[in-house]
Amino acid sequence: MRTLRVGLTGGIGSGKSTVAKMLADCGAAVIDSDAIARQVTAPGGAAIDLIAKQFGALFITPEGALNRDRMRQLVFSDEQAKKQLEAIVHPLVGEETARQAAQAGSACIVFDVPLLVESGRWRQQVDRVLVVDCNETTQVSRVMVRNGWAREVVERVMAGQASRAQRLAAADVCIYNDAPLSLAALAVMVRQLAQRFGL
């Protein structure tokens, strides 16, 4: 039986991670590209020496991890630095993603990729694109509460992501995760979707 490959994406604060967890509970093999990126930029991670060489020791914490706050400030203001960071991190994430996919052993592999639409290369690698969608005002309020970020910071992150319209245009399947939808109702929708995905 052929494994169905689903690309899961959504803007920051959309509830994508919640949907990923629900799909995993239904038996999907979920491969989280953000978690892999954190792993390669953690102390001892494969990207650390390369980042230190490219950007300098100031971008590494005393514990030996990527200094996320400092790097976030840099890449927001410097497009070239953003490309340099991506050139280091993305191939490492790609290698680990492929390794995990080869070992998945499920009828459905879900690739949880925040920047799936932006990357351009993911569309060819998946059978379906599942977008978790909500209003932009909802995204802002959720992230401000969850991360403790100022509104301007959230809006800057959103401006660096694909627009809501671009994500919806790329979607084969869409879950609208906004009020008045409850968590329980969302879980029912995800279970129905999981059955369509062969789980």
N, C-alpha and C. Protein backbone atom coordinates (compact mmCIF):
# COMPACT_ATOMS: atom_id res chain seq x y z
N MET A 1 0.84 -1.19 0.00
CA MET A 1 0.00 0.00 0.00
C MET A 1 0.89 1.25 0.00
N ARG A 2 0.54 2.21 -0.86
CA ARG A 2 1.33 3.43 -0.98
C ARG A 2 1.06 4.36 0.19
N THR A 3 2.10 4.97 0.71
CA THR A 3 1.96 5.94 1.80
C THR A 3 1.53 7.29 1.25
N LEU A 4 0.50 7.88 1.86
CA LEU A 4 0.05 9.22 1.47
C LEU A 4 0.94 10.25 2.16
N ARG A 5 1.46 11.19 1.38
CA ARG A 5 2.34 12.24 1.92
C ARG A 5 1.56 13.55 1.94
N VAL A 6 1.35 14.09 3.14
CA VAL A 6 0.55 15.30 3.32
C VAL A 6 1.45 16.42 3.85
N GLY A 7 1.43 17.56 3.17
CA GLY A 7 2.13 18.74 3.66
C GLY A 7 1.16 19.58 4.46
N LEU A 8 1.49 19.80 5.73
CA LEU A 8 0.64 20.57 6.64
C LEU A 8 1.27 21.94 6.86
N THR A 9 0.49 23.00 6.65
CA THR A 9 1.03 24.34 6.89
C THR A 9 -0.06 25.27 7.38
N GLY A 10 0.37 26.46 7.77
CA GLY A 10 -0.55 27.47 8.28
C GLY A 10 0.28 28.60 8.85
N GLY A 11 -0.28 29.78 8.87
CA GLY A 11 0.44 30.93 9.42
C GLY A 11 0.65 30.78 10.91
N ILE A 12 1.56 31.59 11.45
CA ILE A 12 1.82 31.57 12.89
C ILE A 12 0.51 31.84 13.63
N GLY A 13 0.24 31.04 14.66
CA GLY A 13 -0.98 31.23 15.45
C GLY A 13 -2.24 30.63 14.85
N SER A 14 -2.10 29.88 13.75
CA SER A 14 -3.29 29.32 13.08
C SER A 14 -3.84 28.09 13.80
N GLY A 15 -2.98 27.44 14.61
CA GLY A 15 -3.38 26.18 15.24
C GLY A 15 -2.84 24.96 14.51
N LYS A 16 -1.86 25.19 13.64
CA LYS A 16 -1.27 24.11 12.85
C LYS A 16 -0.68 23.01 13.74
N SER A 17 0.02 23.41 14.79
CA SER A 17 0.65 22.42 15.69
C SER A 17 -0.40 21.58 16.42
N THR A 18 -1.51 22.20 16.76
CA THR A 18 -2.63 21.47 17.40
C THR A 18 -3.18 20.42 16.44
N VAL A 19 -3.36 20.81 15.18
CA VAL A 19 -3.87 19.87 14.17
C VAL A 19 -2.86 18.74 13.95
N ALA A 20 -1.57 19.07 13.94
CA ALA A 20 -0.52 18.06 13.76
C ALA A 20 -0.59 17.02 14.88
N LYS A 21 -0.77 17.48 16.11
CA LYS A 21 -0.85 16.56 17.25
C LYS A 21 -2.08 15.67 17.14
N MET A 22 -3.19 16.25 16.71
CA MET A 22 -4.43 15.46 16.53
C MET A 22 -4.25 14.41 15.45
N LEU A 23 -3.58 14.75 14.35
CA LEU A 23 -3.33 13.77 13.29
C LEU A 23 -2.41 12.66 13.80
N ALA A 24 -1.42 13.03 14.62
CA ALA A 24 -0.53 12.01 15.20
C ALA A 24 -1.33 11.07 16.10
N ASP A 25 -2.28 11.62 16.85
CA ASP A 25 -3.14 10.79 17.72
C ASP A 25 -3.99 9.82 16.91
N CYS A 26 -4.27 10.19 15.64
CA CYS A 26 -5.05 9.32 14.74
C CYS A 26 -4.17 8.27 14.04
N GLY A 27 -2.85 8.35 14.27
CA GLY A 27 -1.96 7.34 13.69
C GLY A 27 -1.05 7.83 12.58
N ALA A 28 -1.13 9.13 12.25
CA ALA A 28 -0.22 9.66 11.22
C ALA A 28 1.19 9.75 11.78
N ALA A 29 2.18 9.56 10.91
CA ALA A 29 3.57 9.83 11.28
C ALA A 29 3.81 11.30 10.99
N VAL A 30 4.00 12.10 12.04
CA VAL A 30 4.18 13.55 11.86
C VAL A 30 5.67 13.89 11.94
N ILE A 31 6.16 14.54 10.92
CA ILE A 31 7.56 14.99 10.88
C ILE A 31 7.55 16.51 10.96
N ASP A 32 8.05 17.04 12.07
CA ASP A 32 7.95 18.46 12.40
C ASP A 32 9.25 19.16 12.00
N SER A 33 9.20 19.94 10.92
CA SER A 33 10.44 20.57 10.42
C SER A 33 10.96 21.63 11.39
N ASP A 34 10.05 22.30 12.12
CA ASP A 34 10.48 23.28 13.12
C ASP A 34 11.26 22.61 14.25
N ALA A 35 10.75 21.45 14.70
CA ALA A 35 11.43 20.71 15.77
C ALA A 35 12.82 20.26 15.31
N ILE A 36 12.92 19.85 14.04
CA ILE A 36 14.22 19.44 13.50
C ILE A 36 15.16 20.65 13.42
N ALA A 37 14.62 21.79 13.02
CA ALA A 37 15.44 23.02 12.95
C ALA A 37 15.95 23.40 14.34
N ARG A 38 15.10 23.24 15.35
CA ARG A 38 15.54 23.53 16.73
C ARG A 38 16.63 22.55 17.16
N GLN A 39 16.48 21.31 16.72
CA GLN A 39 17.45 20.25 17.07
C GLN A 39 18.84 20.56 16.47
N VAL A 40 18.86 20.98 15.21
CA VAL A 40 20.17 21.23 14.57
C VAL A 40 20.80 22.53 15.05
N THR A 41 20.00 23.40 15.70
CA THR A 41 20.55 24.66 16.24
C THR A 41 20.64 24.64 17.76
N ALA A 42 20.44 23.49 18.37
CA ALA A 42 20.60 23.31 19.82
C ALA A 42 22.09 23.08 20.12
N PRO A 43 22.47 23.10 21.42
CA PRO A 43 23.88 22.82 21.74
C PRO A 43 24.33 21.49 21.14
N GLY A 44 25.44 21.52 20.42
CA GLY A 44 25.94 20.30 19.78
C GLY A 44 25.26 19.98 18.46
N GLY A 45 24.31 20.81 18.04
CA GLY A 45 23.58 20.57 16.79
C GLY A 45 24.47 20.75 15.58
N ALA A 46 24.07 20.11 14.49
CA ALA A 46 24.90 20.08 13.28
C ALA A 46 25.12 21.46 12.66
N ALA A 47 24.23 22.43 12.96
CA ALA A 47 24.36 23.75 12.33
C ALA A 47 25.22 24.72 13.13
N ILE A 48 25.52 24.41 14.38
CA ILE A 48 26.12 25.40 15.28
C ILE A 48 27.48 25.90 14.80
N ASP A 49 28.39 24.99 14.46
CA ASP A 49 29.73 25.43 14.02
C ASP A 49 29.64 26.26 12.75
N LEU A 50 28.75 25.86 11.85
CA LEU A 50 28.58 26.59 10.58
C LEU A 50 28.02 28.00 10.83
N ILE A 51 27.07 28.11 11.78
CA ILE A 51 26.48 29.42 12.10
C ILE A 51 27.54 30.31 12.75
N ALA A 52 28.33 29.75 13.67
CA ALA A 52 29.38 30.53 14.35
C ALA A 52 30.40 31.04 13.32
N LYS A 53 30.72 30.20 12.36
CA LYS A 53 31.70 30.57 11.33
C LYS A 53 31.15 31.68 10.43
N GLN A 54 29.86 31.56 10.09
CA GLN A 54 29.23 32.53 9.17
C GLN A 54 28.91 33.86 9.86
N PHE A 55 28.39 33.79 11.09
CA PHE A 55 27.85 35.00 11.74
C PHE A 55 28.67 35.49 12.94
N GLY A 56 29.54 34.62 13.47
CA GLY A 56 30.33 35.02 14.63
C GLY A 56 29.79 34.45 15.93
N ALA A 57 30.66 34.45 16.94
CA ALA A 57 30.34 33.82 18.24
C ALA A 57 29.20 34.53 18.97
N LEU A 58 28.93 35.79 18.63
CA LEU A 58 27.85 36.53 19.30
C LEU A 58 26.49 35.89 19.04
N PHE A 59 26.38 35.12 17.97
CA PHE A 59 25.10 34.51 17.61
C PHE A 59 24.91 33.12 18.23
N ILE A 60 25.86 32.74 19.10
CA ILE A 60 25.77 31.47 19.83
C ILE A 60 25.67 31.78 21.31
N THR A 61 24.75 31.16 22.02
CA THR A 61 24.59 31.39 23.47
C THR A 61 25.74 30.76 24.24
N PRO A 62 25.93 31.15 25.51
CA PRO A 62 26.97 30.52 26.34
C PRO A 62 26.80 29.00 26.44
N GLU A 63 25.55 28.54 26.29
CA GLU A 63 25.28 27.09 26.36
C GLU A 63 25.63 26.37 25.05
N GLY A 64 25.90 27.15 23.99
CA GLY A 64 26.28 26.54 22.72
C GLY A 64 25.14 26.36 21.73
N ALA A 65 24.01 27.07 21.96
CA ALA A 65 22.87 27.00 21.04
C ALA A 65 22.81 28.28 20.20
N LEU A 66 22.01 28.26 19.15
CA LEU A 66 21.77 29.47 18.37
C LEU A 66 21.11 30.51 19.28
N ASN A 67 21.59 31.74 19.25
CA ASN A 67 20.95 32.84 19.98
C ASN A 67 19.77 33.32 19.12
N ARG A 68 18.60 32.78 19.41
CA ARG A 68 17.42 32.99 18.55
C ARG A 68 17.00 34.46 18.50
N ASP A 69 16.99 35.12 19.66
CA ASP A 69 16.54 36.52 19.68
C ASP A 69 17.45 37.40 18.83
N ARG A 70 18.75 37.22 18.99
CA ARG A 70 19.71 38.04 18.23
C ARG A 70 19.59 37.74 16.72
N MET A 71 19.45 36.44 16.39
CA MET A 71 19.34 36.06 14.99
C MET A 71 18.02 36.56 14.39
N ARG A 72 16.95 36.50 15.18
CA ARG A 72 15.66 36.97 14.68
C ARG A 72 15.75 38.45 14.32
N GLN A 73 16.39 39.25 15.18
CA GLN A 73 16.54 40.69 14.90
C GLN A 73 17.35 40.91 13.62
N LEU A 74 18.40 40.12 13.44
CA LEU A 74 19.25 40.28 12.25
C LEU A 74 18.49 39.94 10.97
N VAL A 75 17.84 38.77 10.95
CA VAL A 75 17.21 38.32 9.68
C VAL A 75 15.97 39.14 9.34
N PHE A 76 15.33 39.77 10.36
CA PHE A 76 14.22 40.67 10.05
C PHE A 76 14.69 41.87 9.26
N SER A 77 15.94 42.32 9.52
CA SER A 77 16.41 43.57 8.91
C SER A 77 17.38 43.34 7.74
N ASP A 78 17.81 42.08 7.55
CA ASP A 78 18.87 41.81 6.56
C ASP A 78 18.51 40.56 5.75
N GLU A 79 18.03 40.78 4.54
CA GLU A 79 17.57 39.67 3.68
C GLU A 79 18.72 38.72 3.34
N GLN A 80 19.92 39.28 3.15
CA GLN A 80 21.08 38.46 2.83
C GLN A 80 21.42 37.51 3.98
N ALA A 81 21.36 38.03 5.20
CA ALA A 81 21.64 37.20 6.39
C ALA A 81 20.61 36.08 6.50
N LYS A 82 19.36 36.39 6.18
CA LYS A 82 18.30 35.38 6.21
C LYS A 82 18.62 34.24 5.24
N LYS A 83 19.05 34.62 4.03
CA LYS A 83 19.40 33.61 3.02
C LYS A 83 20.60 32.77 3.47
N GLN A 84 21.57 33.42 4.11
CA GLN A 84 22.76 32.70 4.58
C GLN A 84 22.39 31.69 5.68
N LEU A 85 21.50 32.11 6.58
CA LEU A 85 21.06 31.20 7.64
C LEU A 85 20.30 30.02 7.05
N GLU A 86 19.40 30.31 6.10
CA GLU A 86 18.61 29.24 5.47
C GLU A 86 19.50 28.27 4.71
N ALA A 87 20.58 28.78 4.09
CA ALA A 87 21.50 27.92 3.33
C ALA A 87 22.22 26.94 4.26
N ILE A 88 22.35 27.30 5.52
CA ILE A 88 22.97 26.40 6.50
C ILE A 88 21.94 25.41 7.05
N VAL A 89 20.81 25.95 7.48
CA VAL A 89 19.84 25.13 8.24
C VAL A 89 18.98 24.23 7.34
N HIS A 90 18.50 24.75 6.21
CA HIS A 90 17.54 24.01 5.40
C HIS A 90 18.06 22.65 4.89
N PRO A 91 19.31 22.58 4.38
CA PRO A 91 19.78 21.25 3.93
C PRO A 91 19.85 20.23 5.07
N LEU A 92 20.23 20.68 6.27
CA LEU A 92 20.30 19.77 7.42
C LEU A 92 18.90 19.29 7.82
N VAL A 93 17.94 20.21 7.77
CA VAL A 93 16.55 19.84 8.07
C VAL A 93 16.04 18.86 7.00
N GLY A 94 16.38 19.11 5.75
CA GLY A 94 15.97 18.23 4.65
C GLY A 94 16.50 16.82 4.81
N GLU A 95 17.76 16.70 5.21
CA GLU A 95 18.36 15.37 5.41
C GLU A 95 17.65 14.59 6.52
N GLU A 96 17.40 15.28 7.64
CA GLU A 96 16.76 14.60 8.78
C GLU A 96 15.30 14.28 8.47
N THR A 97 14.63 15.15 7.72
CA THR A 97 13.24 14.91 7.31
C THR A 97 13.17 13.64 6.46
N ALA A 98 14.08 13.52 5.50
CA ALA A 98 14.10 12.33 4.63
C ALA A 98 14.39 11.07 5.43
N ARG A 99 15.29 11.18 6.41
CA ARG A 99 15.63 10.02 7.24
C ARG A 99 14.40 9.56 8.03
N GLN A 100 13.69 10.52 8.65
CA GLN A 100 12.50 10.18 9.43
C GLN A 100 11.39 9.62 8.54
N ALA A 101 11.24 10.17 7.34
CA ALA A 101 10.19 9.70 6.42
C ALA A 101 10.45 8.25 6.01
N ALA A 102 11.74 7.92 5.80
CA ALA A 102 12.09 6.56 5.39
C ALA A 102 11.77 5.53 6.47
N GLN A 103 11.75 5.99 7.72
CA GLN A 103 11.49 5.07 8.83
C GLN A 103 10.05 5.15 9.36
N ALA A 104 9.20 5.92 8.69
CA ALA A 104 7.89 6.26 9.27
C ALA A 104 6.96 5.07 9.50
N GLY A 105 6.76 4.23 8.50
CA GLY A 105 5.90 3.06 8.67
C GLY A 105 4.45 3.36 8.99
N SER A 106 3.86 4.38 8.36
CA SER A 106 2.45 4.70 8.56
C SER A 106 1.79 4.85 7.20
N ALA A 107 0.45 4.70 7.17
CA ALA A 107 -0.29 4.89 5.91
C ALA A 107 -0.26 6.34 5.46
N CYS A 108 0.06 7.24 6.41
CA CYS A 108 0.07 8.67 6.10
C CYS A 108 1.22 9.35 6.84
N ILE A 109 2.07 10.03 6.07
CA ILE A 109 3.12 10.85 6.67
C ILE A 109 2.71 12.31 6.53
N VAL A 110 2.70 13.02 7.65
CA VAL A 110 2.36 14.44 7.65
C VAL A 110 3.65 15.24 7.86
N PHE A 111 3.99 16.05 6.87
CA PHE A 111 5.16 16.93 6.97
C PHE A 111 4.67 18.29 7.47
N ASP A 112 4.97 18.59 8.72
CA ASP A 112 4.55 19.84 9.36
C ASP A 112 5.58 20.91 9.00
N VAL A 113 5.23 21.77 8.03
CA VAL A 113 6.20 22.74 7.48
C VAL A 113 5.59 24.14 7.50
N PRO A 114 6.01 24.99 8.46
CA PRO A 114 5.42 26.33 8.54
C PRO A 114 5.54 27.12 7.23
N LEU A 115 6.69 27.02 6.55
CA LEU A 115 6.92 27.81 5.33
C LEU A 115 6.81 26.96 4.07
N LEU A 116 5.88 26.04 4.06
CA LEU A 116 5.70 25.13 2.92
C LEU A 116 5.41 25.90 1.63
N VAL A 117 4.49 26.85 1.70
CA VAL A 117 4.11 27.60 0.50
C VAL A 117 5.28 28.47 0.03
N GLU A 118 6.00 29.08 1.00
CA GLU A 118 7.09 29.98 0.67
C GLU A 118 8.28 29.25 0.02
N SER A 119 8.50 28.01 0.42
CA SER A 119 9.71 27.31 -0.02
C SER A 119 9.70 26.97 -1.51
N GLY A 120 8.51 26.74 -2.06
CA GLY A 120 8.43 26.43 -3.49
C GLY A 120 8.77 24.99 -3.84
N ARG A 121 9.57 24.30 -3.00
CA ARG A 121 10.02 22.95 -3.37
C ARG A 121 9.13 21.87 -2.78
N TRP A 122 8.29 22.23 -1.80
CA TRP A 122 7.53 21.18 -1.10
C TRP A 122 6.36 20.65 -1.92
N ARG A 123 5.79 21.49 -2.77
CA ARG A 123 4.59 21.08 -3.53
C ARG A 123 4.83 19.78 -4.29
N GLN A 124 6.04 19.62 -4.83
CA GLN A 124 6.35 18.43 -5.63
C GLN A 124 6.59 17.20 -4.74
N GLN A 125 6.80 17.41 -3.45
CA GLN A 125 7.17 16.30 -2.58
C GLN A 125 5.99 15.69 -1.81
N VAL A 126 4.82 16.32 -1.94
CA VAL A 126 3.65 15.83 -1.20
C VAL A 126 2.48 15.57 -2.14
N ASP A 127 1.57 14.70 -1.68
CA ASP A 127 0.38 14.39 -2.48
C ASP A 127 -0.76 15.39 -2.23
N ARG A 128 -0.82 15.91 -1.01
CA ARG A 128 -1.87 16.86 -0.62
C ARG A 128 -1.24 17.96 0.22
N VAL A 129 -1.78 19.17 0.07
CA VAL A 129 -1.40 20.27 0.97
C VAL A 129 -2.61 20.59 1.84
N LEU A 130 -2.41 20.47 3.16
CA LEU A 130 -3.47 20.77 4.14
C LEU A 130 -3.11 22.09 4.81
N VAL A 131 -3.99 23.07 4.68
CA VAL A 131 -3.76 24.39 5.28
C VAL A 131 -4.70 24.59 6.46
N VAL A 132 -4.13 25.00 7.59
CA VAL A 132 -4.94 25.41 8.74
C VAL A 132 -5.05 26.93 8.67
N ASP A 133 -6.28 27.42 8.62
CA ASP A 133 -6.52 28.83 8.32
C ASP A 133 -7.32 29.49 9.45
N CYS A 134 -7.07 30.79 9.66
CA CYS A 134 -7.91 31.59 10.55
C CYS A 134 -7.72 33.06 10.18
N ASN A 135 -8.53 33.93 10.75
CA ASN A 135 -8.41 35.36 10.48
C ASN A 135 -7.07 35.88 11.00
N GLU A 136 -6.54 36.90 10.34
CA GLU A 136 -5.25 37.45 10.74
C GLU A 136 -5.30 38.09 12.12
N THR A 137 -6.43 38.71 12.46
CA THR A 137 -6.57 39.30 13.81
C THR A 137 -6.49 38.21 14.88
N THR A 138 -7.03 37.03 14.56
CA THR A 138 -6.96 35.90 15.49
C THR A 138 -5.52 35.43 15.65
N GLN A 139 -4.77 35.36 14.54
CA GLN A 139 -3.35 34.98 14.60
C GLN A 139 -2.59 35.90 15.55
N VAL A 140 -2.78 37.21 15.37
CA VAL A 140 -2.05 38.19 16.17
C VAL A 140 -2.37 38.01 17.65
N SER A 141 -3.66 37.93 17.99
CA SER A 141 -4.03 37.83 19.41
C SER A 141 -3.54 36.52 20.02
N ARG A 142 -3.62 35.42 19.28
CA ARG A 142 -3.15 34.13 19.81
C ARG A 142 -1.65 34.16 20.12
N VAL A 143 -0.86 34.71 19.18
CA VAL A 143 0.60 34.70 19.36
C VAL A 143 1.02 35.67 20.46
N MET A 144 0.32 36.81 20.58
CA MET A 144 0.63 37.75 21.65
C MET A 144 0.43 37.09 23.02
N VAL A 145 -0.65 36.32 23.14
CA VAL A 145 -0.93 35.62 24.40
C VAL A 145 0.06 34.48 24.62
N ARG A 146 0.29 33.67 23.57
CA ARG A 146 1.12 32.47 23.70
C ARG A 146 2.59 32.81 23.92
N ASN A 147 3.13 33.75 23.13
CA ASN A 147 4.57 34.03 23.15
C ASN A 147 4.95 35.25 23.98
N GLY A 148 3.94 36.04 24.34
CA GLY A 148 4.23 37.28 25.07
C GLY A 148 4.90 38.32 24.19
N TRP A 149 4.72 38.23 22.86
CA TRP A 149 5.34 39.17 21.94
C TRP A 149 4.48 40.42 21.79
N ALA A 150 5.12 41.53 21.45
CA ALA A 150 4.39 42.75 21.11
C ALA A 150 3.72 42.56 19.75
N ARG A 151 2.64 43.33 19.54
CA ARG A 151 1.89 43.22 18.28
C ARG A 151 2.80 43.42 17.05
N GLU A 152 3.72 44.42 17.13
CA GLU A 152 4.58 44.72 15.98
C GLU A 152 5.47 43.52 15.62
N VAL A 153 5.92 42.79 16.64
CA VAL A 153 6.78 41.62 16.39
C VAL A 153 5.99 40.54 15.66
N VAL A 154 4.77 40.28 16.13
CA VAL A 154 3.92 39.27 15.49
C VAL A 154 3.64 39.67 14.04
N GLU A 155 3.32 40.94 13.84
CA GLU A 155 3.00 41.41 12.50
C GLU A 155 4.20 41.33 11.56
N ARG A 156 5.42 41.55 12.12
CA ARG A 156 6.64 41.41 11.31
C ARG A 156 6.84 39.97 10.87
N VAL A 157 6.60 39.02 11.81
CA VAL A 157 6.72 37.60 11.46
C VAL A 157 5.71 37.25 10.38
N MET A 158 4.47 37.70 10.55
CA MET A 158 3.43 37.41 9.56
C MET A 158 3.77 38.00 8.20
N ALA A 159 4.39 39.19 8.19
CA ALA A 159 4.75 39.84 6.93
C ALA A 159 5.82 39.04 6.18
N GLY A 160 6.62 38.25 6.93
CA GLY A 160 7.65 37.42 6.32
C GLY A 160 7.14 36.07 5.85
N GLN A 161 5.88 35.78 6.14
CA GLN A 161 5.27 34.52 5.70
C GLN A 161 4.40 34.78 4.48
N ALA A 162 4.00 33.70 3.82
CA ALA A 162 3.05 33.82 2.71
C ALA A 162 1.77 34.48 3.23
N SER A 163 1.07 35.17 2.36
CA SER A 163 -0.20 35.77 2.76
C SER A 163 -1.26 34.68 2.93
N ARG A 164 -2.30 35.02 3.62
CA ARG A 164 -3.41 34.07 3.80
C ARG A 164 -3.94 33.61 2.44
N ALA A 165 -4.07 34.55 1.51
CA ALA A 165 -4.58 34.22 0.17
C ALA A 165 -3.65 33.24 -0.56
N GLN A 166 -2.34 33.44 -0.42
CA GLN A 166 -1.37 32.54 -1.07
C GLN A 166 -1.47 31.13 -0.50
N ARG A 167 -1.61 31.02 0.82
CA ARG A 167 -1.73 29.68 1.43
C ARG A 167 -3.01 28.99 0.97
N LEU A 168 -4.11 29.73 0.97
CA LEU A 168 -5.40 29.14 0.56
C LEU A 168 -5.35 28.71 -0.91
N ALA A 169 -4.64 29.48 -1.74
CA ALA A 169 -4.52 29.12 -3.16
C ALA A 169 -3.74 27.82 -3.33
N ALA A 170 -2.83 27.53 -2.39
CA ALA A 170 -2.00 26.32 -2.48
C ALA A 170 -2.67 25.09 -1.86
N ALA A 171 -3.79 25.30 -1.16
CA ALA A 171 -4.41 24.22 -0.38
C ALA A 171 -5.20 23.25 -1.24
N ASP A 172 -5.01 21.94 -0.96
CA ASP A 172 -5.93 20.92 -1.48
C ASP A 172 -7.06 20.71 -0.49
N VAL A 173 -6.72 20.86 0.80
CA VAL A 173 -7.69 20.71 1.89
C VAL A 173 -7.44 21.85 2.87
N CYS A 174 -8.53 22.41 3.41
CA CYS A 174 -8.39 23.52 4.35
C CYS A 174 -9.24 23.28 5.60
N ILE A 175 -8.66 23.55 6.76
CA ILE A 175 -9.42 23.54 8.02
C ILE A 175 -9.48 24.98 8.50
N TYR A 176 -10.71 25.49 8.67
CA TYR A 176 -10.88 26.86 9.17
C TYR A 176 -10.97 26.79 10.70
N ASN A 177 -9.90 27.21 11.36
CA ASN A 177 -9.78 27.06 12.81
C ASN A 177 -9.90 28.42 13.49
N ASP A 178 -11.14 28.88 13.61
CA ASP A 178 -11.38 30.18 14.22
C ASP A 178 -12.69 30.12 15.00
N ALA A 179 -12.90 31.10 15.86
CA ALA A 179 -14.14 31.16 16.62
C ALA A 179 -15.32 31.14 15.65
N PRO A 180 -16.42 30.47 15.98
CA PRO A 180 -16.71 29.83 17.28
C PRO A 180 -16.31 28.34 17.36
N LEU A 181 -15.41 27.88 16.52
CA LEU A 181 -15.03 26.46 16.52
C LEU A 181 -14.33 26.11 17.84
N SER A 182 -14.84 25.08 18.51
CA SER A 182 -14.22 24.63 19.77
C SER A 182 -13.13 23.62 19.47
N LEU A 183 -12.30 23.35 20.48
CA LEU A 183 -11.24 22.35 20.34
C LEU A 183 -11.84 20.97 20.05
N ALA A 184 -12.97 20.67 20.70
CA ALA A 184 -13.63 19.37 20.49
C ALA A 184 -14.14 19.25 19.05
N ALA A 185 -14.71 20.34 18.54
CA ALA A 185 -15.21 20.32 17.15
C ALA A 185 -14.06 20.21 16.16
N LEU A 186 -12.95 20.86 16.48
CA LEU A 186 -11.75 20.76 15.63
C LEU A 186 -11.27 19.30 15.60
N ALA A 187 -11.27 18.65 16.76
CA ALA A 187 -10.82 17.25 16.84
C ALA A 187 -11.70 16.34 15.97
N VAL A 188 -13.00 16.60 15.94
CA VAL A 188 -13.92 15.80 15.11
C VAL A 188 -13.57 16.00 13.63
N MET A 189 -13.33 17.25 13.23
CA MET A 189 -12.97 17.53 11.83
C MET A 189 -11.67 16.82 11.45
N VAL A 190 -10.70 16.84 12.37
CA VAL A 190 -9.40 16.21 12.08
C VAL A 190 -9.55 14.69 11.98
N ARG A 191 -10.37 14.11 12.84
CA ARG A 191 -10.59 12.65 12.78
C ARG A 191 -11.23 12.25 11.45
N GLN A 192 -12.19 13.05 10.98
CA GLN A 192 -12.84 12.77 9.69
C GLN A 192 -11.82 12.87 8.56
N LEU A 193 -10.96 13.87 8.65
CA LEU A 193 -9.91 14.05 7.65
C LEU A 193 -8.93 12.89 7.68
N ALA A 194 -8.57 12.43 8.86
CA ALA A 194 -7.64 11.32 9.03
C ALA A 194 -8.19 10.04 8.34
N GLN A 195 -9.49 9.86 8.43
CA GLN A 195 -10.11 8.70 7.76
C GLN A 195 -9.96 8.84 6.24
N ARG A 196 -10.13 10.06 5.74
CA ARG A 196 -9.93 10.30 4.29
C ARG A 196 -8.49 10.03 3.88
N PHE A 197 -7.57 10.24 4.82
CA PHE A 197 -6.15 10.02 4.57
C PHE A 197 -5.74 8.56 4.78
N GLY A 198 -6.72 7.68 5.03
CA GLY A 198 -6.43 6.26 5.14
C GLY A 198 -6.00 5.79 6.52
N LEU A 199 -6.28 6.63 7.55
CA LEU A 199 -5.89 6.27 8.92
C LEU A 199 -7.07 5.66 9.69
